Amino acid sequence: MAITDSISVSTKGRRDVLDITPDLCAIVKKHGIGSGIVVVFVPGSTAALTTIEYEPGLKKDIDVYLDRLFPYGEPYHHHETWHDDNGSSHLQAAMLGPSITIPVVEGKLTLGTWQQVVLIDCDTRPRNRQLVVQMLV
């Protein structure tokens, strides 16, 4: 059986990192999921989902190292197609990926002690995002 829910977030863009772990835990509890998997997906092509130790130093490292790989302001071919400025955003998000799957055991997400689920909004501007959360039980 599949149960679908969602998480709404507002971001600042430019590699804003948001911890969505409390939202996911609340959804699992709300639906009484004891055992199964949770899949989270971010529609759009300029944001990504992953897990990290959500702490200020690592949030800065994500910003610094993604900028080294795909810096904002470079002349990406994407800009020529759409006359915008977020070619780097698409590349950053593509590298990280739009979804994550987490097992649920005994009503809890099976995350490590220092592991949180985060949304990284790579776009060049603030965005409102509606994440899709699907639980398979």
C-alpha atoms as a PDB file:
ATOM      1  CA  MET A   1       0.000   0.000   0.000  1.00  0.00           C
ATOM      2  CA  ALA A   2       1.224   3.521  -0.794  1.00  0.00           C
ATOM      3  CA  ILE A   3       0.431   6.627   1.220  1.00  0.00           C
ATOM      4  CA  THR A   4       1.322  10.038  -0.223  1.00  0.00           C
ATOM      5  CA  ASP A   5       1.858  13.275   1.697  1.00  0.00           C
ATOM      6  CA  SER A   6       3.927  16.418   1.171  1.00  0.00           C
ATOM      7  CA  ILE A   7       6.235  18.935   2.813  1.00  0.00           C
ATOM      8  CA  SER A   8       6.104  22.622   1.886  1.00  0.00           C
ATOM      9  CA  VAL A   9       9.242  24.720   2.308  1.00  0.00           C
ATOM     10  CA  SER A  10      10.409  28.195   1.379  1.00  0.00           C
ATOM     11  CA  THR A  11      14.076  28.591   0.555  1.00  0.00           C
ATOM     12  CA  LYS A  12      16.523  31.425   0.048  1.00  0.00           C
ATOM     13  CA  GLY A  13      18.082  29.736  -3.005  1.00  0.00           C
ATOM     14  CA  ARG A  14      21.827  29.751  -3.673  1.00  0.00           C
ATOM     15  CA  ARG A  15      22.490  26.408  -1.965  1.00  0.00           C
ATOM     16  CA  ASP A  16      20.173  26.987   0.983  1.00  0.00           C
ATOM     17  CA  VAL A  17      20.271  23.793   3.089  1.00  0.00           C
ATOM     18  CA  LEU A  18      17.119  22.884   5.045  1.00  0.00           C
ATOM     19  CA  ASP A  19      16.776  20.028   7.536  1.00  0.00           C
ATOM     20  CA  ILE A  20      13.502  18.255   6.703  1.00  0.00           C
ATOM     21  CA  THR A  21      14.047  15.351   9.134  1.00  0.00           C
ATOM     22  CA  PRO A  22      11.500  16.593  11.729  1.00  0.00           C
ATOM     23  CA  ASP A  23       8.884  16.962   8.971  1.00  0.00           C
ATOM     24  CA  LEU A  24       9.521  13.406   7.755  1.00  0.00           C
ATOM     25  CA  CYS A  25       9.346  11.986  11.283  1.00  0.00           C
ATOM     26  CA  ALA A  26       6.037  13.791  11.832  1.00  0.00           C
ATOM     27  CA  ILE A  27       4.602  12.369   8.598  1.00  0.00           C
ATOM     28  CA  VAL A  28       5.648   8.808   9.507  1.00  0.00           C
ATOM     29  CA  LYS A  29       4.031   9.236  12.929  1.00  0.00           C
ATOM     30  CA  LYS A  30       0.889  10.894  11.513  1.00  0.00           C
ATOM     31  CA  HIS A  31       0.245   7.940   9.209  1.00  0.00           C
ATOM     32  CA  GLY A  32       1.210   5.304  11.785  1.00  0.00           C
ATOM     33  CA  ILE A  33       3.896   3.721   9.621  1.00  0.00           C
ATOM     34  CA  GLY A  34       5.506   0.897  11.581  1.00  0.00           C
ATOM     35  CA  SER A  35       7.539  -0.739   8.847  1.00  0.00           C
ATOM     36  CA  GLY A  36       8.183   0.197   5.216  1.00  0.00           C
ATOM     37  CA  ILE A  37      10.069   2.756   3.202  1.00  0.00           C
ATOM     38  CA  VAL A  38       9.726   6.489   2.751  1.00  0.00           C
ATOM     39  CA  VAL A  39      10.602   8.031  -0.582  1.00  0.00           C
ATOM     40  CA  VAL A  40      11.036  11.803  -0.750  1.00  0.00           C
ATOM     41  CA  PHE A  41      11.156  13.561  -4.116  1.00  0.00           C
ATOM     42  CA  VAL A  42      11.656  17.222  -4.991  1.00  0.00           C
ATOM     43  CA  PRO A  43       9.908  18.220  -8.237  1.00  0.00           C
ATOM     44  CA  GLY A  44      11.990  20.587 -10.318  1.00  0.00           C
ATOM     45  CA  SER A  45      15.532  20.435 -11.604  1.00  0.00           C
ATOM     46  CA  THR A  46      17.360  22.938  -9.398  1.00  0.00           C
ATOM     47  CA  ALA A  47      17.039  21.332  -5.945  1.00  0.00           C
ATOM     48  CA  ALA A  48      18.271  18.080  -4.443  1.00  0.00           C
ATOM     49  CA  LEU A  49      17.870  15.772  -1.465  1.00  0.00           C
ATOM     50  CA  THR A  50      20.580  13.993   0.504  1.00  0.00           C
ATOM     51  CA  THR A  51      21.684  13.227   4.054  1.00  0.00           C
ATOM     52  CA  ILE A  52      24.351  15.056   6.014  1.00  0.00           C
ATOM     53  CA  GLU A  53      25.335  15.878   9.558  1.00  0.00           C
ATOM     54  CA  TYR A  54      23.340  19.100   9.708  1.00  0.00           C
ATOM     55  CA  GLU A  55      25.792  21.503  11.325  1.00  0.00           C
ATOM     56  CA  PRO A  56      27.024  24.998  10.328  1.00  0.00           C
ATOM     57  CA  GLY A  57      30.504  23.936   9.182  1.00  0.00           C
ATOM     58  CA  LEU A  58      29.240  21.277   6.795  1.00  0.00           C
ATOM     59  CA  LYS A  59      26.561  23.616   5.450  1.00  0.00           C
ATOM     60  CA  LYS A  60      29.372  26.050   4.562  1.00  0.00           C
ATOM     61  CA  ASP A  61      31.461  23.234   3.052  1.00  0.00           C
ATOM     62  CA  ILE A  62      28.569  22.233   0.783  1.00  0.00           C
ATOM     63  CA  ASP A  63      28.340  25.800  -0.462  1.00  0.00           C
ATOM     64  CA  VAL A  64      32.098  26.158  -0.995  1.00  0.00           C
ATOM     65  CA  TYR A  65      32.686  22.846  -2.744  1.00  0.00           C
ATOM     66  CA  LEU A  66      29.603  22.913  -4.976  1.00  0.00           C
ATOM     67  CA  ASP A  67      30.697  26.388  -6.031  1.00  0.00           C
ATOM     68  CA  ARG A  68      34.145  25.028  -6.921  1.00  0.00           C
ATOM     69  CA  LEU A  69      32.565  22.355  -9.114  1.00  0.00           C
ATOM     70  CA  PHE A  70      29.787  24.444 -10.705  1.00  0.00           C
ATOM     71  CA  PRO A  71      30.214  28.149  -9.853  1.00  0.00           C
ATOM     72  CA  TYR A  72      27.411  30.624 -10.241  1.00  0.00           C
ATOM     73  CA  GLY A  73      28.082  33.281 -12.876  1.00  0.00           C
ATOM     74  CA  GLU A  74      29.948  31.115 -15.367  1.00  0.00           C
ATOM     75  CA  PRO A  75      28.768  31.106 -19.021  1.00  0.00           C
ATOM     76  CA  TYR A  76      26.729  27.860 -19.141  1.00  0.00           C
ATOM     77  CA  HIS A  77      25.097  26.813 -22.408  1.00  0.00           C
ATOM     78  CA  HIS A  78      21.804  26.549 -20.516  1.00  0.00           C
ATOM     79  CA  HIS A  79      21.831  30.363 -20.239  1.00  0.00           C
ATOM     80  CA  GLU A  80      21.902  30.637 -24.034  1.00  0.00           C
ATOM     81  CA  THR A  81      18.840  28.412 -24.331  1.00  0.00           C
ATOM     82  CA  TRP A  82      16.617  30.089 -21.737  1.00  0.00           C
ATOM     83  CA  HIS A  83      18.336  33.469 -21.195  1.00  0.00           C
ATOM     84  CA  ASP A  84      18.502  32.906 -17.442  1.00  0.00           C
ATOM     85  CA  ASP A  85      21.319  32.497 -14.918  1.00  0.00           C
ATOM     86  CA  ASN A  86      20.846  29.096 -13.295  1.00  0.00           C
ATOM     87  CA  GLY A  87      22.858  26.664 -15.415  1.00  0.00           C
ATOM     88  CA  SER A  88      25.056  25.934 -12.409  1.00  0.00           C
ATOM     89  CA  SER A  89      21.941  25.226 -10.326  1.00  0.00           C
ATOM     90  CA  HIS A  90      20.846  22.488 -12.705  1.00  0.00           C
ATOM     91  CA  LEU A  91      24.286  20.844 -12.671  1.00  0.00           C
ATOM     92  CA  GLN A  92      24.574  20.972  -8.871  1.00  0.00           C
ATOM     93  CA  ALA A  93      21.110  19.448  -8.411  1.00  0.00           C
ATOM     94  CA  ALA A  94      21.716  16.788 -11.074  1.00  0.00           C
ATOM     95  CA  MET A  95      24.895  15.675  -9.331  1.00  0.00           C
ATOM     96  CA  LEU A  96      23.173  15.355  -5.938  1.00  0.00           C
ATOM     97  CA  GLY A  97      19.860  13.888  -7.131  1.00  0.00           C
ATOM     98  CA  PRO A  98      16.146  14.656  -6.670  1.00  0.00           C
ATOM     99  CA  SER A  99      15.130  11.856  -4.291  1.00  0.00           C
ATOM    100  CA  ILE A 100      16.052   9.764  -1.293  1.00  0.00           C
ATOM    101  CA  THR A 101      14.701   6.501   0.119  1.00  0.00           C
ATOM    102  CA  ILE A 102      14.762   5.731   3.856  1.00  0.00           C
ATOM    103  CA  PRO A 103      13.674   2.486   5.538  1.00  0.00           C
ATOM    104  CA  VAL A 104      11.220   2.753   8.435  1.00  0.00           C
ATOM    105  CA  VAL A 105      11.663   0.204  11.230  1.00  0.00           C
ATOM    106  CA  GLU A 106       9.469   0.113  14.336  1.00  0.00           C
ATOM    107  CA  GLY A 107       7.963   3.483  13.429  1.00  0.00           C
ATOM    108  CA  LYS A 108      11.289   5.306  13.059  1.00  0.00           C
ATOM    109  CA  LEU A 109      13.407   6.451  10.137  1.00  0.00           C
ATOM    110  CA  THR A 110      16.615   4.391  10.124  1.00  0.00           C
ATOM    111  CA  LEU A 111      18.973   7.348  10.204  1.00  0.00           C
ATOM    112  CA  GLY A 112      22.335   7.371  11.930  1.00  0.00           C
ATOM    113  CA  THR A 113      22.918   9.373  15.106  1.00  0.00           C
ATOM    114  CA  TRP A 114      24.312  12.398  13.243  1.00  0.00           C
ATOM    115  CA  GLN A 115      22.405  11.916   9.980  1.00  0.00           C
ATOM    116  CA  GLN A 116      19.664  14.275   8.860  1.00  0.00           C
ATOM    117  CA  VAL A 117      17.704  14.464   5.621  1.00  0.00           C
ATOM    118  CA  VAL A 118      18.226  17.795   3.874  1.00  0.00           C
ATOM    119  CA  LEU A 119      16.922  19.713   0.903  1.00  0.00           C
ATOM    120  CA  ILE A 120      19.574  21.730  -0.918  1.00  0.00           C
ATOM    121  CA  ASP A 121      18.037  24.429  -3.087  1.00  0.00           C
ATOM    122  CA  CYS A 122      20.652  25.209  -5.715  1.00  0.00           C
ATOM    123  CA  ASP A 123      18.588  27.749  -7.665  1.00  0.00           C
ATOM    124  CA  THR A 124      19.792  31.341  -7.929  1.00  0.00           C
ATOM    125  CA  ARG A 125      16.654  32.777  -6.319  1.00  0.00           C
ATOM    126  CA  PRO A 126      14.295  32.000  -3.427  1.00  0.00           C
ATOM    127  CA  ARG A 127      11.747  29.285  -4.143  1.00  0.00           C
ATOM    128  CA  ASN A 128       8.682  27.666  -2.649  1.00  0.00           C
ATOM    129  CA  ARG A 129       9.068  23.917  -2.912  1.00  0.00           C
ATOM    130  CA  GLN A 130       6.467  21.180  -2.470  1.00  0.00           C
ATOM    131  CA  LEU A 131       8.240  17.895  -1.694  1.00  0.00           C
ATOM    132  CA  VAL A 132       6.408  14.654  -2.401  1.00  0.00           C
ATOM    133  CA  VAL A 133       6.613  12.079   0.392  1.00  0.00           C
ATOM    134  CA  GLN A 134       5.435   8.573  -0.456  1.00  0.00           C
ATOM    135  CA  MET A 135       5.410   5.764   2.067  1.00  0.00           C
ATOM    136  CA  LEU A 136       5.269   2.142   0.973  1.00  0.00           C
ATOM    137  CA  VAL A 137       4.069  -0.205   3.689  1.00  0.00           C
END
